[in-house]
Amino acid sequence: MSTNVNSLIDRIFREYLEPNDDVQSFSILRLGLTADTSDTTVNYSNSFLTSEEEDSLEPGAVIEINQELMLVTSLSTSAEQVTVKRAWKGTTLAEHSVDDIIRINPVFTKKAVFDTISDQIKNLYPTLFAVETIELTASTGYKILGTYGTDEDNYNHLVQPLKAISQYTDWQAGSNETGLKYQGVAIEMIDLPNPFTWTDEDSVERTKEYTTGPSVVHAVQFVGIAAGHEVFVTFKKKFVAPTDGNTTLSSIGLETEYEPIIMTGVAAQLMSGRDIPAATIENITQGVALQQYPVGSSTSIRNSLLQYQQALIQQARKNLRARYPEPVTLNSINYPG
């Protein structure tokens, strides 16, 4: 299973976009590249290339290293060098290391796969959702989620409480007695404007502001439990968009079960309207057929992938409902079942 977005990208290429018998032309860097537009000489190794593949590096070719695209402006086969224009087609200038892969005229770019993964993750909600449990201390009145400042957390992605529990047996003020089991606590979540300014318990004015994600600041109010008691609150949460390839899947709320959903959606989205190599078609056809979704003569690869994705989504949705039943809500207050 994948641990971060980069490993998920590699898995998508391996299983859908570039199977082993359809690997596109590539080489490796012999010298690193700095994140500087003036560093335009790419030293490649011809050991991985046929003469025809090396000739394809002529001016006008596009190469990709990690997620940066580069436009080739000149080729020296004797020196095993190409001169390039960096950060081509709006990609991000980045540093690259010796032995990084150089993909030549890629059919599907890693940048396109990354962007499509981001789209697919955001589109999972509201059919599917992430879950986060936070330990909070009950307070008098409302309690802002997170700390003051700008974008220090992802609490603006929270949607609603699913469950709140505490181990206290006496819910009155001044009591610290705990029991042997956790009991349900009633809780209400409030949507506040972004940014939001308030005065904290130390009479200091604070401001919370989000510049990414949903434009909302969240607060909660507890019902029937005194201030100072510890409460574990489980929230339904929107998925967080990845910032780069090193973003871990756990940090954006993507469980292992959701990986095939993202993978099939990315493959279907990128293959739309493209001529797909025969080896890739055969590989996908066999893979989808093994999951009981055969590709028929009247069914395109893309449609088969979308049908398979919908089946995976429905199963994941059933699992979510079984694990996290919707709480009873009365006057906007959530009462756990």
C-alpha atoms as a PDB file:
ATOM      1  CA  MET A   1       0.000   0.000   0.000  1.00  0.00           C
ATOM      2  CA  SER A   2       1.084   3.600  -0.574  1.00  0.00           C
ATOM      3  CA  THR A   3       2.362   5.848   2.193  1.00  0.00           C
ATOM      4  CA  ASN A   4       2.453   9.205   0.420  1.00  0.00           C
ATOM      5  CA  VAL A   5       1.263  10.808  -2.808  1.00  0.00           C
ATOM      6  CA  ASN A   6       4.496  10.014  -4.677  1.00  0.00           C
ATOM      7  CA  SER A   7       4.127   6.296  -3.970  1.00  0.00           C
ATOM      8  CA  LEU A   8       0.466   6.488  -5.042  1.00  0.00           C
ATOM      9  CA  ILE A   9       1.544   8.132  -8.311  1.00  0.00           C
ATOM     10  CA  ASP A  10       4.048   5.322  -8.910  1.00  0.00           C
ATOM     11  CA  ARG A  11       1.356   2.730  -8.227  1.00  0.00           C
ATOM     12  CA  ILE A  12      -1.036   4.370 -10.712  1.00  0.00           C
ATOM     13  CA  PHE A  13       1.643   4.270 -13.404  1.00  0.00           C
ATOM     14  CA  ARG A  14       2.543   0.678 -12.565  1.00  0.00           C
ATOM     15  CA  GLU A  15      -1.006  -0.667 -12.536  1.00  0.00           C
ATOM     16  CA  TYR A  16      -2.796   1.532 -15.085  1.00  0.00           C
ATOM     17  CA  LEU A  17      -0.878   4.113 -17.095  1.00  0.00           C
ATOM     18  CA  GLU A  18       2.466   2.438 -17.786  1.00  0.00           C
ATOM     19  CA  PRO A  19       2.529  -1.337 -17.189  1.00  0.00           C
ATOM     20  CA  ASN A  20       5.850  -3.166 -17.379  1.00  0.00           C
ATOM     21  CA  ASP A  21       5.435  -4.172 -21.024  1.00  0.00           C
ATOM     22  CA  ASP A  22       4.654  -0.591 -22.073  1.00  0.00           C
ATOM     23  CA  VAL A  23       7.372   1.458 -20.342  1.00  0.00           C
ATOM     24  CA  GLN A  24       8.008   4.785 -22.086  1.00  0.00           C
ATOM     25  CA  SER A  25      11.483   6.042 -23.030  1.00  0.00           C
ATOM     26  CA  PHE A  26      13.549   7.174 -20.067  1.00  0.00           C
ATOM     27  CA  SER A  27      17.065   7.893 -18.864  1.00  0.00           C
ATOM     28  CA  ILE A  28      18.664   9.067 -15.607  1.00  0.00           C
ATOM     29  CA  LEU A  29      20.451  12.217 -14.484  1.00  0.00           C
ATOM     30  CA  ARG A  30      24.247  11.968 -14.402  1.00  0.00           C
ATOM     31  CA  LEU A  31      24.534  15.332 -12.602  1.00  0.00           C
ATOM     32  CA  GLY A  32      22.022  17.052 -10.338  1.00  0.00           C
ATOM     33  CA  LEU A  33      20.044  20.174 -11.192  1.00  0.00           C
ATOM     34  CA  THR A  34      19.490  23.177  -8.943  1.00  0.00           C
ATOM     35  CA  ALA A  35      16.200  25.043  -8.578  1.00  0.00           C
ATOM     36  CA  ASP A  36      17.520  27.863 -10.770  1.00  0.00           C
ATOM     37  CA  THR A  37      16.197  28.819 -14.198  1.00  0.00           C
ATOM     38  CA  SER A  38      19.777  29.416 -15.364  1.00  0.00           C
ATOM     39  CA  ASP A  39      20.720  25.776 -14.689  1.00  0.00           C
ATOM     40  CA  THR A  40      19.615  24.526 -18.100  1.00  0.00           C
ATOM     41  CA  THR A  41      22.024  21.682 -18.939  1.00  0.00           C
ATOM     42  CA  VAL A  42      20.602  18.217 -18.364  1.00  0.00           C
ATOM     43  CA  ASN A  43      23.240  15.474 -18.351  1.00  0.00           C
ATOM     44  CA  TYR A  44      21.559  12.192 -19.267  1.00  0.00           C
ATOM     45  CA  SER A  45      22.841   8.630 -19.669  1.00  0.00           C
ATOM     46  CA  ASN A  46      22.463   7.012 -23.107  1.00  0.00           C
ATOM     47  CA  SER A  47      22.833   3.544 -21.563  1.00  0.00           C
ATOM     48  CA  PHE A  48      19.054   3.350 -21.240  1.00  0.00           C
ATOM     49  CA  LEU A  49      18.268   4.606 -24.737  1.00  0.00           C
ATOM     50  CA  THR A  50      18.267   3.193 -28.239  1.00  0.00           C
ATOM     51  CA  SER A  51      19.689   5.449 -30.952  1.00  0.00           C
ATOM     52  CA  GLU A  52      16.118   6.246 -32.071  1.00  0.00           C
ATOM     53  CA  GLU A  53      15.079   7.151 -28.529  1.00  0.00           C
ATOM     54  CA  GLU A  54      18.138   9.379 -28.130  1.00  0.00           C
ATOM     55  CA  ASP A  55      17.323  11.115 -31.414  1.00  0.00           C
ATOM     56  CA  SER A  56      13.854  11.842 -30.024  1.00  0.00           C
ATOM     57  CA  LEU A  57      15.551  14.267 -27.604  1.00  0.00           C
ATOM     58  CA  GLU A  58      15.939  16.766 -30.460  1.00  0.00           C
ATOM     59  CA  PRO A  59      14.737  20.387 -29.971  1.00  0.00           C
ATOM     60  CA  GLY A  60      11.016  20.556 -29.301  1.00  0.00           C
ATOM     61  CA  ALA A  61      10.957  17.413 -27.180  1.00  0.00           C
ATOM     62  CA  VAL A  62       9.616  17.581 -23.652  1.00  0.00           C
ATOM     63  CA  ILE A  63      11.247  15.788 -20.734  1.00  0.00           C
ATOM     64  CA  GLU A  64       9.966  15.371 -17.190  1.00  0.00           C
ATOM     65  CA  ILE A  65      12.081  15.011 -14.041  1.00  0.00           C
ATOM     66  CA  ASN A  66       9.976  14.351 -10.958  1.00  0.00           C
ATOM     67  CA  GLN A  67       7.071  16.778 -11.611  1.00  0.00           C
ATOM     68  CA  GLU A  68       8.976  19.455 -13.519  1.00  0.00           C
ATOM     69  CA  LEU A  69       8.549  19.605 -17.285  1.00  0.00           C
ATOM     70  CA  MET A  70      11.391  20.953 -19.441  1.00  0.00           C
ATOM     71  CA  LEU A  71      11.451  21.933 -23.096  1.00  0.00           C
ATOM     72  CA  VAL A  72      14.503  20.729 -25.024  1.00  0.00           C
ATOM     73  CA  THR A  73      16.168  23.489 -27.060  1.00  0.00           C
ATOM     74  CA  SER A  74      19.333  21.656 -28.175  1.00  0.00           C
ATOM     75  CA  LEU A  75      20.843  18.156 -28.131  1.00  0.00           C
ATOM     76  CA  SER A  76      24.442  16.934 -27.965  1.00  0.00           C
ATOM     77  CA  THR A  77      24.538  13.146 -28.245  1.00  0.00           C
ATOM     78  CA  SER A  78      28.338  13.051 -27.970  1.00  0.00           C
ATOM     79  CA  ALA A  79      28.249  14.871 -24.605  1.00  0.00           C
ATOM     80  CA  GLU A  80      25.012  13.165 -23.533  1.00  0.00           C
ATOM     81  CA  GLN A  81      23.513  16.561 -22.787  1.00  0.00           C
ATOM     82  CA  VAL A  82      20.395  18.507 -23.628  1.00  0.00           C
ATOM     83  CA  THR A  83      19.803  22.192 -23.079  1.00  0.00           C
ATOM     84  CA  VAL A  84      16.348  22.910 -21.766  1.00  0.00           C
ATOM     85  CA  LYS A  85      13.927  25.614 -20.764  1.00  0.00           C
ATOM     86  CA  ARG A  86      13.025  24.949 -17.124  1.00  0.00           C
ATOM     87  CA  ALA A  87       9.568  24.862 -15.488  1.00  0.00           C
ATOM     88  CA  TRP A  88       7.807  24.346 -18.830  1.00  0.00           C
ATOM     89  CA  LYS A  89       4.016  24.645 -19.103  1.00  0.00           C
ATOM     90  CA  GLY A  90       3.520  26.118 -15.670  1.00  0.00           C
ATOM     91  CA  THR A  91       5.231  23.355 -13.709  1.00  0.00           C
ATOM     92  CA  THR A  92       7.261  24.203 -10.621  1.00  0.00           C
ATOM     93  CA  LEU A  93      11.003  24.773 -10.738  1.00  0.00           C
ATOM     94  CA  ALA A  94      12.640  22.205  -8.447  1.00  0.00           C
ATOM     95  CA  GLU A  95      15.946  20.669  -7.439  1.00  0.00           C
ATOM     96  CA  HIS A  96      16.785  17.254  -8.904  1.00  0.00           C
ATOM     97  CA  SER A  97      19.387  14.696  -7.863  1.00  0.00           C
ATOM     98  CA  VAL A  98      21.759  12.266  -9.567  1.00  0.00           C
ATOM     99  CA  ASP A  99      19.938   9.124 -10.775  1.00  0.00           C
ATOM    100  CA  ASP A 100      16.518  10.836 -10.855  1.00  0.00           C
ATOM    101  CA  ILE A 101      14.448   9.470 -13.748  1.00  0.00           C
ATOM    102  CA  ILE A 102      14.234  11.518 -16.961  1.00  0.00           C
ATOM    103  CA  ARG A 103      11.002  10.656 -18.806  1.00  0.00           C
ATOM    104  CA  ILE A 104      11.053  11.529 -22.507  1.00  0.00           C
ATOM    105  CA  ASN A 105       7.896  12.889 -24.160  1.00  0.00           C
ATOM    106  CA  PRO A 106       5.696  11.192 -21.547  1.00  0.00           C
ATOM    107  CA  VAL A 107       2.145  10.335 -22.580  1.00  0.00           C
ATOM    108  CA  PHE A 108       0.991  10.964 -19.023  1.00  0.00           C
ATOM    109  CA  THR A 109       3.026  13.388 -16.941  1.00  0.00           C
ATOM    110  CA  LYS A 110       3.517  12.989 -13.200  1.00  0.00           C
ATOM    111  CA  LYS A 111       2.312  16.558 -12.762  1.00  0.00           C
ATOM    112  CA  ALA A 112      -0.956  15.689 -14.511  1.00  0.00           C
ATOM    113  CA  VAL A 113      -1.343  12.581 -12.338  1.00  0.00           C
ATOM    114  CA  PHE A 114      -0.691  14.627  -9.164  1.00  0.00           C
ATOM    115  CA  ASP A 115      -3.285  17.256 -10.141  1.00  0.00           C
ATOM    116  CA  THR A 116      -5.818  14.569 -11.023  1.00  0.00           C
ATOM    117  CA  ILE A 117      -5.230  12.814  -7.690  1.00  0.00           C
ATOM    118  CA  SER A 118      -5.991  16.129  -5.967  1.00  0.00           C
ATOM    119  CA  ASP A 119      -9.226  16.468  -7.965  1.00  0.00           C
ATOM    120  CA  GLN A 120     -10.289  12.899  -7.180  1.00  0.00           C
ATOM    121  CA  ILE A 121      -9.585  13.290  -3.454  1.00  0.00           C
ATOM    122  CA  LYS A 122     -11.610  16.510  -3.199  1.00  0.00           C
ATOM    123  CA  ASN A 123     -14.501  14.940  -5.134  1.00  0.00           C
ATOM    124  CA  LEU A 124     -14.822  11.998  -2.707  1.00  0.00           C
ATOM    125  CA  TYR A 125     -16.762  14.187  -0.260  1.00  0.00           C
ATOM    126  CA  PRO A 126     -19.682  14.066   0.571  1.00  0.00           C
ATOM    127  CA  THR A 127     -20.145  10.481  -0.652  1.00  0.00           C
ATOM    128  CA  LEU A 128     -17.157   9.474   1.463  1.00  0.00           C
ATOM    129  CA  PHE A 129     -15.462  11.358   4.253  1.00  0.00           C
ATOM    130  CA  ALA A 130     -12.419  11.298   6.487  1.00  0.00           C
ATOM    131  CA  VAL A 131     -12.636  10.905  10.266  1.00  0.00           C
ATOM    132  CA  GLU A 132     -10.585  12.619  12.963  1.00  0.00           C
ATOM    133  CA  THR A 133     -10.767  12.220  16.758  1.00  0.00           C
ATOM    134  CA  ILE A 134      -9.655  15.159  18.902  1.00  0.00           C
ATOM    135  CA  GLU A 135      -9.212  15.350  22.664  1.00  0.00           C
ATOM    136  CA  LEU A 136     -10.840  18.546  23.959  1.00  0.00           C
ATOM    137  CA  THR A 137     -11.361  20.071  27.378  1.00  0.00           C
ATOM    138  CA  ALA A 138     -14.945  21.124  28.005  1.00  0.00           C
ATOM    139  CA  SER A 139     -15.292  24.855  28.621  1.00  0.00           C
ATOM    140  CA  THR A 140     -17.967  27.354  29.512  1.00  0.00           C
ATOM    141  CA  GLY A 141     -19.528  28.728  26.335  1.00  0.00           C
ATOM    142  CA  TYR A 142     -18.016  28.019  22.940  1.00  0.00           C
ATOM    143  CA  LYS A 143     -14.523  26.621  22.378  1.00  0.00           C
ATOM    144  CA  ILE A 144     -12.541  27.480  19.238  1.00  0.00           C
ATOM    145  CA  LEU A 145     -11.053  24.402  17.574  1.00  0.00           C
ATOM    146  CA  GLY A 146      -7.307  24.685  17.172  1.00  0.00           C
ATOM    147  CA  THR A 147      -5.052  27.551  18.158  1.00  0.00           C
ATOM    148  CA  TYR A 148      -5.046  31.167  17.074  1.00  0.00           C
ATOM    149  CA  GLY A 149      -2.975  32.184  14.056  1.00  0.00           C
ATOM    150  CA  THR A 150      -3.013  31.365  10.356  1.00  0.00           C
ATOM    151  CA  ASP A 151      -3.333  27.867   8.855  1.00  0.00           C
ATOM    152  CA  GLU A 152      -1.804  26.042  11.821  1.00  0.00           C
ATOM    153  CA  ASP A 153      -4.168  23.085  11.446  1.00  0.00           C
ATOM    154  CA  ASN A 154      -6.873  21.610   9.204  1.00  0.00           C
ATOM    155  CA  TYR A 155      -9.794  21.998  11.592  1.00  0.00           C
ATOM    156  CA  ASN A 156     -11.653  24.077   8.987  1.00  0.00           C
ATOM    157  CA  HIS A 157     -12.118  20.779   7.096  1.00  0.00           C
ATOM    158  CA  LEU A 158     -14.244  19.349   9.934  1.00  0.00           C
ATOM    159  CA  VAL A 159     -17.923  18.981   9.050  1.00  0.00           C
ATOM    160  CA  GLN A 160     -19.814  17.739  12.109  1.00  0.00           C
ATOM    161  CA  PRO A 161     -19.320  15.709  15.300  1.00  0.00           C
ATOM    162  CA  LEU A 162     -20.096  12.021  14.941  1.00  0.00           C
ATOM    163  CA  LYS A 163     -19.498  11.058  18.557  1.00  0.00           C
ATOM    164  CA  ALA A 164     -18.326  12.637  21.805  1.00  0.00           C
ATOM    165  CA  ILE A 165     -17.438  10.552  24.866  1.00  0.00           C
ATOM    166  CA  SER A 166     -15.965  11.147  28.321  1.00  0.00           C
ATOM    167  CA  GLN A 167     -14.983   8.901  31.220  1.00  0.00           C
ATOM    168  CA  TYR A 168     -16.339  11.194  33.941  1.00  0.00           C
ATOM    169  CA  THR A 169     -19.139   9.805  36.128  1.00  0.00           C
ATOM    170  CA  ASP A 170     -20.011  13.128  37.737  1.00  0.00           C
ATOM    171  CA  TRP A 171     -20.662  15.836  35.178  1.00  0.00           C
ATOM    172  CA  GLN A 172     -20.806  18.689  37.697  1.00  0.00           C
ATOM    173  CA  ALA A 173     -18.207  21.392  38.192  1.00  0.00           C
ATOM    174  CA  GLY A 174     -15.382  20.630  40.604  1.00  0.00           C
ATOM    175  CA  SER A 175     -15.576  16.852  40.196  1.00  0.00           C
ATOM    176  CA  ASN A 176     -12.718  14.799  38.749  1.00  0.00           C
ATOM    177  CA  GLU A 177     -14.152  11.354  39.406  1.00  0.00           C
ATOM    178  CA  THR A 178     -13.840   8.997  36.439  1.00  0.00           C
ATOM    179  CA  GLY A 179     -15.572   5.719  35.681  1.00  0.00           C
ATOM    180  CA  LEU A 180     -14.550   2.456  34.103  1.00  0.00           C
ATOM    181  CA  LYS A 181     -16.220   3.175  30.776  1.00  0.00           C
ATOM    182  CA  TYR A 182     -16.781   6.075  28.416  1.00  0.00           C
ATOM    183  CA  GLN A 183     -20.209   7.656  28.118  1.00  0.00           C
ATOM    184  CA  GLY A 184     -21.758   9.821  25.439  1.00  0.00           C
ATOM    185  CA  VAL A 185     -21.603  13.616  25.652  1.00  0.00           C
ATOM    186  CA  ALA A 186     -23.924  15.997  23.788  1.00  0.00           C
ATOM    187  CA  ILE A 187     -22.068  18.481  21.580  1.00  0.00           C
ATOM    188  CA  GLU A 188     -22.860  21.285  19.137  1.00  0.00           C
ATOM    189  CA  MET A 189     -20.531  22.597  16.419  1.00  0.00           C
ATOM    190  CA  ILE A 190     -20.741  26.212  15.290  1.00  0.00           C
ATOM    191  CA  ASP A 191     -19.608  27.663  11.956  1.00  0.00           C
ATOM    192  CA  LEU A 192     -17.929  31.041  12.482  1.00  0.00           C
ATOM    193  CA  PRO A 193     -16.771  33.600   9.893  1.00  0.00           C
ATOM    194  CA  ASN A 194     -13.209  33.407   8.587  1.00  0.00           C
ATOM    195  CA  PRO A 195     -11.210  35.166  10.010  1.00  0.00           C
ATOM    196  CA  PHE A 196     -12.719  35.152  13.498  1.00  0.00           C
ATOM    197  CA  THR A 197     -11.594  37.300  16.440  1.00  0.00           C
ATOM    198  CA  TRP A 198     -12.449  36.536  20.065  1.00  0.00           C
ATOM    199  CA  THR A 199     -11.243  37.193  23.602  1.00  0.00           C
ATOM    200  CA  ASP A 200      -9.765  34.130  25.316  1.00  0.00           C
ATOM    201  CA  GLU A 201      -9.898  33.070  28.983  1.00  0.00           C
ATOM    202  CA  ASP A 202      -6.867  35.279  29.704  1.00  0.00           C
ATOM    203  CA  SER A 203      -8.694  38.354  28.326  1.00  0.00           C
ATOM    204  CA  VAL A 204      -6.360  38.432  25.302  1.00  0.00           C
ATOM    205  CA  GLU A 205      -7.819  39.172  21.871  1.00  0.00           C
ATOM    206  CA  ARG A 206      -7.028  36.360  19.412  1.00  0.00           C
ATOM    207  CA  THR A 207      -7.687  35.860  15.704  1.00  0.00           C
ATOM    208  CA  LYS A 208      -7.994  32.594  13.803  1.00  0.00           C
ATOM    209  CA  GLU A 209      -7.732  32.683   9.997  1.00  0.00           C
ATOM    210  CA  TYR A 210      -7.559  30.059   7.244  1.00  0.00           C
ATOM    211  CA  THR A 211      -6.078  30.908   3.852  1.00  0.00           C
ATOM    212  CA  THR A 212      -6.471  27.411   2.385  1.00  0.00           C
ATOM    213  CA  GLY A 213      -9.378  24.978   2.387  1.00  0.00           C
ATOM    214  CA  PRO A 214     -12.939  25.845   3.465  1.00  0.00           C
ATOM    215  CA  SER A 215     -13.347  29.499   4.498  1.00  0.00           C
ATOM    216  CA  VAL A 216     -14.809  28.831   7.935  1.00  0.00           C
ATOM    217  CA  VAL A 217     -13.661  28.751  11.567  1.00  0.00           C
ATOM    218  CA  HIS A 218     -15.182  26.063  13.796  1.00  0.00           C
ATOM    219  CA  ALA A 219     -16.093  26.111  17.474  1.00  0.00           C
ATOM    220  CA  VAL A 220     -17.923  23.607  19.684  1.00  0.00           C
ATOM    221  CA  GLN A 221     -20.201  23.841  22.714  1.00  0.00           C
ATOM    222  CA  PHE A 222     -20.715  20.989  25.171  1.00  0.00           C
ATOM    223  CA  VAL A 223     -24.062  20.295  26.790  1.00  0.00           C
ATOM    224  CA  GLY A 224     -24.503  18.723  30.226  1.00  0.00           C
ATOM    225  CA  ILE A 225     -20.844  18.452  31.193  1.00  0.00           C
ATOM    226  CA  ALA A 226     -18.927  20.971  33.302  1.00  0.00           C
ATOM    227  CA  ALA A 227     -15.877  22.920  32.202  1.00  0.00           C
ATOM    228  CA  GLY A 228     -12.509  21.249  32.721  1.00  0.00           C
ATOM    229  CA  HIS A 229     -13.509  17.678  31.870  1.00  0.00           C
ATOM    230  CA  GLU A 230     -11.710  15.799  29.072  1.00  0.00           C
ATOM    231  CA  VAL A 231     -13.829  14.762  26.085  1.00  0.00           C
ATOM    232  CA  PHE A 232     -12.882  12.732  23.003  1.00  0.00           C
ATOM    233  CA  VAL A 233     -14.761  14.022  19.963  1.00  0.00           C
ATOM    234  CA  THR A 234     -14.865  12.159  16.642  1.00  0.00           C
ATOM    235  CA  PHE A 235     -15.593  14.416  13.666  1.00  0.00           C
ATOM    236  CA  LYS A 236     -16.656  13.823  10.087  1.00  0.00           C
ATOM    237  CA  LYS A 237     -14.084  15.619   7.950  1.00  0.00           C
ATOM    238  CA  LYS A 238     -13.557  16.695   4.364  1.00  0.00           C
ATOM    239  CA  PHE A 239     -10.417  15.339   2.720  1.00  0.00           C
ATOM    240  CA  VAL A 240      -7.431  17.698   2.683  1.00  0.00           C
ATOM    241  CA  ALA A 241      -5.840  18.399  -0.699  1.00  0.00           C
ATOM    242  CA  PRO A 242      -2.165  17.280  -0.884  1.00  0.00           C
ATOM    243  CA  THR A 243       0.419  20.038  -1.131  1.00  0.00           C
ATOM    244  CA  ASP A 244       3.149  17.986  -2.830  1.00  0.00           C
ATOM    245  CA  GLY A 245       4.267  14.435  -3.547  1.00  0.00           C
ATOM    246  CA  ASN A 246       5.628  13.947  -0.046  1.00  0.00           C
ATOM    247  CA  THR A 247       2.230  14.560   1.586  1.00  0.00           C
ATOM    248  CA  THR A 248       1.311  11.412   3.513  1.00  0.00           C
ATOM    249  CA  LEU A 249      -2.034   9.803   2.745  1.00  0.00           C
ATOM    250  CA  SER A 250      -2.874   9.601   6.443  1.00  0.00           C
ATOM    251  CA  SER A 251      -2.500  13.390   6.832  1.00  0.00           C
ATOM    252  CA  ILE A 252      -5.178  14.029   4.201  1.00  0.00           C
ATOM    253  CA  GLY A 253      -7.529  11.391   5.619  1.00  0.00           C
ATOM    254  CA  LEU A 254      -7.106   8.849   2.824  1.00  0.00           C
ATOM    255  CA  GLU A 255      -7.452   5.322   4.172  1.00  0.00           C
ATOM    256  CA  THR A 256      -5.990   2.283   2.437  1.00  0.00           C
ATOM    257  CA  GLU A 257      -9.473   1.250   1.313  1.00  0.00           C
ATOM    258  CA  TYR A 258      -9.782   4.441  -0.730  1.00  0.00           C
ATOM    259  CA  GLU A 259      -6.602   3.977  -2.786  1.00  0.00           C
ATOM    260  CA  PRO A 260      -8.208   1.840  -5.545  1.00  0.00           C
ATOM    261  CA  ILE A 261     -11.021   4.413  -5.781  1.00  0.00           C
ATOM    262  CA  ILE A 262      -8.523   7.206  -6.430  1.00  0.00           C
ATOM    263  CA  MET A 263      -6.469   5.069  -8.808  1.00  0.00           C
ATOM    264  CA  THR A 264      -9.357   4.058 -11.061  1.00  0.00           C
ATOM    265  CA  GLY A 265     -10.712   7.609 -11.100  1.00  0.00           C
ATOM    266  CA  VAL A 266      -7.340   9.052 -12.096  1.00  0.00           C
ATOM    267  CA  ALA A 267      -6.876   6.477 -14.865  1.00  0.00           C
ATOM    268  CA  ALA A 268     -10.381   7.091 -16.244  1.00  0.00           C
ATOM    269  CA  GLN A 269      -9.982  10.880 -16.150  1.00  0.00           C
ATOM    270  CA  LEU A 270      -6.584  10.905 -17.856  1.00  0.00           C
ATOM    271  CA  MET A 271      -7.494   8.348 -20.514  1.00  0.00           C
ATOM    272  CA  SER A 272     -10.549  10.263 -21.684  1.00  0.00           C
ATOM    273  CA  GLY A 273     -10.123  11.195 -25.334  1.00  0.00           C
ATOM    274  CA  ARG A 274      -6.613   9.704 -25.668  1.00  0.00           C
ATOM    275  CA  ASP A 275      -5.210   6.968 -27.869  1.00  0.00           C
ATOM    276  CA  ILE A 276      -4.102   4.317 -25.393  1.00  0.00           C
ATOM    277  CA  PRO A 277      -1.280   1.874 -26.288  1.00  0.00           C
ATOM    278  CA  ALA A 278      -2.457  -1.694 -26.914  1.00  0.00           C
ATOM    279  CA  ALA A 279      -0.320  -3.084 -24.085  1.00  0.00           C
ATOM    280  CA  THR A 280      -1.930  -0.666 -21.631  1.00  0.00           C
ATOM    281  CA  ILE A 281      -5.440  -1.557 -22.845  1.00  0.00           C
ATOM    282  CA  GLU A 282      -4.711  -5.266 -22.433  1.00  0.00           C
ATOM    283  CA  ASN A 283      -3.275  -4.765 -18.949  1.00  0.00           C
ATOM    284  CA  ILE A 284      -6.282  -2.732 -17.747  1.00  0.00           C
ATOM    285  CA  THR A 285      -8.777  -5.074 -19.393  1.00  0.00           C
ATOM    286  CA  GLN A 286      -7.299  -8.067 -17.583  1.00  0.00           C
ATOM    287  CA  GLY A 287      -7.135  -6.211 -14.266  1.00  0.00           C
ATOM    288  CA  VAL A 288     -10.717  -4.984 -14.406  1.00  0.00           C
ATOM    289  CA  ALA A 289     -11.974  -8.405 -15.509  1.00  0.00           C
ATOM    290  CA  LEU A 290     -10.391  -9.965 -12.426  1.00  0.00           C
ATOM    291  CA  GLN A 291     -12.588  -7.660 -10.345  1.00  0.00           C
ATOM    292  CA  GLN A 292     -15.720  -8.943 -12.145  1.00  0.00           C
ATOM    293  CA  TYR A 293     -16.064  -5.863 -14.345  1.00  0.00           C
ATOM    294  CA  PRO A 294     -15.161  -7.183 -17.807  1.00  0.00           C
ATOM    295  CA  VAL A 295     -14.667  -4.786 -20.703  1.00  0.00           C
ATOM    296  CA  GLY A 296     -17.134  -5.694 -23.422  1.00  0.00           C
ATOM    297  CA  SER A 297     -17.128  -4.769 -27.088  1.00  0.00           C
ATOM    298  CA  SER A 298     -19.581  -1.947 -26.448  1.00  0.00           C
ATOM    299  CA  THR A 299     -17.914  -0.740 -23.260  1.00  0.00           C
ATOM    300  CA  SER A 300     -14.900   1.557 -23.300  1.00  0.00           C
ATOM    301  CA  ILE A 301     -11.947   1.265 -20.957  1.00  0.00           C
ATOM    302  CA  ARG A 302     -12.905   4.571 -19.362  1.00  0.00           C
ATOM    303  CA  ASN A 303     -16.513   3.547 -18.702  1.00  0.00           C
ATOM    304  CA  SER A 304     -15.415   0.218 -17.243  1.00  0.00           C
ATOM    305  CA  LEU A 305     -13.049   2.004 -14.878  1.00  0.00           C
ATOM    306  CA  LEU A 306     -15.796   4.416 -13.806  1.00  0.00           C
ATOM    307  CA  GLN A 307     -18.207   1.531 -13.164  1.00  0.00           C
ATOM    308  CA  TYR A 308     -15.561  -0.240 -11.119  1.00  0.00           C
ATOM    309  CA  GLN A 309     -14.875   2.963  -9.198  1.00  0.00           C
ATOM    310  CA  GLN A 310     -18.566   3.401  -8.362  1.00  0.00           C
ATOM    311  CA  ALA A 311     -18.739  -0.161  -7.028  1.00  0.00           C
ATOM    312  CA  LEU A 312     -15.711   0.524  -4.805  1.00  0.00           C
ATOM    313  CA  ILE A 313     -17.273   3.777  -3.585  1.00  0.00           C
ATOM    314  CA  GLN A 314     -20.549   2.087  -2.653  1.00  0.00           C
ATOM    315  CA  GLN A 315     -18.739  -0.596  -0.669  1.00  0.00           C
ATOM    316  CA  ALA A 316     -16.635   1.998   1.146  1.00  0.00           C
ATOM    317  CA  ARG A 317     -19.776   4.024   1.892  1.00  0.00           C
ATOM    318  CA  LYS A 318     -21.457   0.987   3.461  1.00  0.00           C
ATOM    319  CA  ASN A 319     -18.401   0.419   5.631  1.00  0.00           C
ATOM    320  CA  LEU A 320     -18.434   4.044   6.778  1.00  0.00           C
ATOM    321  CA  ARG A 321     -22.114   3.909   7.706  1.00  0.00           C
ATOM    322  CA  ALA A 322     -21.550   0.735   9.689  1.00  0.00           C
ATOM    323  CA  ARG A 323     -18.605   2.219  11.611  1.00  0.00           C
ATOM    324  CA  TYR A 324     -19.980   5.733  12.101  1.00  0.00           C
ATOM    325  CA  PRO A 325     -23.794   5.867  12.196  1.00  0.00           C
ATOM    326  CA  GLU A 326     -25.222   9.360  11.965  1.00  0.00           C
ATOM    327  CA  PRO A 327     -25.869  10.861  15.423  1.00  0.00           C
ATOM    328  CA  VAL A 328     -29.300  12.028  16.525  1.00  0.00           C
ATOM    329  CA  THR A 329     -29.484  15.806  16.128  1.00  0.00           C
ATOM    330  CA  LEU A 330     -31.947  18.008  18.033  1.00  0.00           C
ATOM    331  CA  ASN A 331     -31.779  21.804  17.826  1.00  0.00           C
ATOM    332  CA  SER A 332     -28.337  21.491  16.184  1.00  0.00           C
ATOM    333  CA  ILE A 333     -27.012  19.495  19.175  1.00  0.00           C
ATOM    334  CA  ASN A 334     -25.570  16.055  18.429  1.00  0.00           C
ATOM    335  CA  TYR A 335     -26.494  13.210  20.749  1.00  0.00           C
ATOM    336  CA  PRO A 336     -24.434  10.041  20.159  1.00  0.00           C
ATOM    337  CA  GLY A 337     -26.340   6.836  19.623  1.00  0.00           C
END
